[in-house]
Amino acid sequence: EKPQEGEVVAVGKGKRLEDGKVVPLDVQAGDRILFGKYSGSEIKIDGNEYLIMREDEVLGVIVSAGKTAKA
C-alpha cells in the first residue's frame, strides 16, 4: 500500500502522560505528511473533508530539498 500525502491543518496541545505532563507534538500546522491509506477518522465540516489522526499514525514529514525528513 502506498502512503497518502496531506497537509496538517491544526494540531492539539500534545499527549498527556499518566503523570499529567503534556508532551508537545513533533508535527505542526502547515507540515506536509505521509500517512497510511486507512489512518485517521474522516469528518466533514462546512463541505470540506478532513482526517483526524493521532501523531503515531503519521509515517513521516516531507521537508523541502536539502533537509532531511523527520520520522
C-alpha atoms as a PDB file:
ATOM      1  CA  GLU A   1       0.000   0.000   0.000  1.00  0.00           C
ATOM      2  CA  LYS A   2       1.345   3.421  -0.959  1.00  0.00           C
ATOM      3  CA  PRO A   3       1.224   6.120   1.710  1.00  0.00           C
ATOM      4  CA  GLN A   4      -1.131   9.060   1.309  1.00  0.00           C
ATOM      5  CA  GLU A   5       0.073  12.664   1.446  1.00  0.00           C
ATOM      6  CA  GLY A   6      -1.626  15.588   3.134  1.00  0.00           C
ATOM      7  CA  GLU A   7      -1.170  18.881   4.918  1.00  0.00           C
ATOM      8  CA  VAL A   8      -1.568  19.361   8.653  1.00  0.00           C
ATOM      9  CA  VAL A   9      -4.293  21.966   9.192  1.00  0.00           C
ATOM     10  CA  ALA A  10      -4.273  22.066  13.000  1.00  0.00           C
ATOM     11  CA  VAL A  11      -2.702  20.263  15.954  1.00  0.00           C
ATOM     12  CA  GLY A  12      -3.607  19.823  19.588  1.00  0.00           C
ATOM     13  CA  LYS A  13      -1.525  20.763  22.626  1.00  0.00           C
ATOM     14  CA  GLY A  14       0.141  17.351  22.868  1.00  0.00           C
ATOM     15  CA  LYS A  15      -0.219  13.988  24.529  1.00  0.00           C
ATOM     16  CA  ARG A  16      -0.945  13.865  28.252  1.00  0.00           C
ATOM     17  CA  LEU A  17       1.106  11.233  30.071  1.00  0.00           C
ATOM     18  CA  GLU A  18      -0.089   9.247  33.109  1.00  0.00           C
ATOM     19  CA  ASP A  19       1.789  11.616  35.443  1.00  0.00           C
ATOM     20  CA  GLY A  20      -0.138  14.596  33.998  1.00  0.00           C
ATOM     21  CA  LYS A  21       2.703  16.078  31.943  1.00  0.00           C
ATOM     22  CA  VAL A  22       1.954  17.120  28.356  1.00  0.00           C
ATOM     23  CA  VAL A  23       4.437  16.048  25.671  1.00  0.00           C
ATOM     24  CA  PRO A  24       4.420  18.513  22.739  1.00  0.00           C
ATOM     25  CA  LEU A  25       3.806  17.180  19.222  1.00  0.00           C
ATOM     26  CA  ASP A  26       6.514  16.900  16.558  1.00  0.00           C
ATOM     27  CA  VAL A  27       4.195  17.901  13.704  1.00  0.00           C
ATOM     28  CA  GLN A  28       2.986  21.470  13.273  1.00  0.00           C
ATOM     29  CA  ALA A  29       0.234  23.121  11.238  1.00  0.00           C
ATOM     30  CA  GLY A  30       1.421  23.545   7.656  1.00  0.00           C
ATOM     31  CA  ASP A  31       3.627  20.402   7.605  1.00  0.00           C
ATOM     32  CA  ARG A  32       3.264  18.040   4.627  1.00  0.00           C
ATOM     33  CA  ILE A  33       2.922  14.495   5.969  1.00  0.00           C
ATOM     34  CA  LEU A  34       2.675  10.903   4.791  1.00  0.00           C
ATOM     35  CA  PHE A  35       0.167   8.540   6.394  1.00  0.00           C
ATOM     36  CA  GLY A  36      -1.369   5.126   5.778  1.00  0.00           C
ATOM     37  CA  LYS A  37      -4.375   4.752   3.497  1.00  0.00           C
ATOM     38  CA  TYR A  38      -6.672   3.710   6.351  1.00  0.00           C
ATOM     39  CA  SER A  39      -5.293   6.073   9.027  1.00  0.00           C
ATOM     40  CA  GLY A  40      -7.422   8.512  10.975  1.00  0.00           C
ATOM     41  CA  SER A  41     -11.141   9.186  11.081  1.00  0.00           C
ATOM     42  CA  GLU A  42     -12.863  11.122   8.297  1.00  0.00           C
ATOM     43  CA  ILE A  43     -15.022  14.113   9.172  1.00  0.00           C
ATOM     44  CA  LYS A  44     -16.797  16.734   7.076  1.00  0.00           C
ATOM     45  CA  ILE A  45     -17.009  20.379   8.189  1.00  0.00           C
ATOM     46  CA  ASP A  46     -18.655  23.086   6.051  1.00  0.00           C
ATOM     47  CA  GLY A  47     -18.373  20.860   2.969  1.00  0.00           C
ATOM     48  CA  ASN A  48     -14.637  20.194   3.469  1.00  0.00           C
ATOM     49  CA  GLU A  49     -13.357  16.696   4.296  1.00  0.00           C
ATOM     50  CA  TYR A  50     -10.678  16.279   6.986  1.00  0.00           C
ATOM     51  CA  LEU A  51      -8.910  13.406   8.711  1.00  0.00           C
ATOM     52  CA  ILE A  52      -8.413  13.371  12.456  1.00  0.00           C
ATOM     53  CA  MET A  53      -5.438  11.213  13.400  1.00  0.00           C
ATOM     54  CA  ARG A  54      -3.014  10.526  16.189  1.00  0.00           C
ATOM     55  CA  GLU A  55       0.600  11.565  15.738  1.00  0.00           C
ATOM     56  CA  ASP A  56       1.713   7.930  15.833  1.00  0.00           C
ATOM     57  CA  GLU A  57      -0.276   7.329  12.614  1.00  0.00           C
ATOM     58  CA  VAL A  58       1.993   9.787  10.749  1.00  0.00           C
ATOM     59  CA  LEU A  59       4.622   7.890   8.747  1.00  0.00           C
ATOM     60  CA  GLY A  60       6.824  10.905   8.042  1.00  0.00           C
ATOM     61  CA  VAL A  61       7.067  14.631   7.423  1.00  0.00           C
ATOM     62  CA  ILE A  62       8.032  15.899   3.956  1.00  0.00           C
ATOM     63  CA  VAL A  63      10.543  18.732   4.046  1.00  0.00           C
ATOM     64  CA  SER A  64      11.959  20.851   1.233  1.00  0.00           C
ATOM     65  CA  ALA A  65      15.071  19.755  -0.707  1.00  0.00           C
ATOM     66  CA  GLY A  66      18.333  19.950   1.198  1.00  0.00           C
ATOM     67  CA  LYS A  67      16.785  18.972   4.533  1.00  0.00           C
ATOM     68  CA  THR A  68      16.196  15.530   5.993  1.00  0.00           C
ATOM     69  CA  ALA A  69      12.713  14.239   6.811  1.00  0.00           C
ATOM     70  CA  LYS A  70      11.504  13.637  10.371  1.00  0.00           C
ATOM     71  CA  ALA A  71      10.255  10.148  11.096  1.00  0.00           C
END
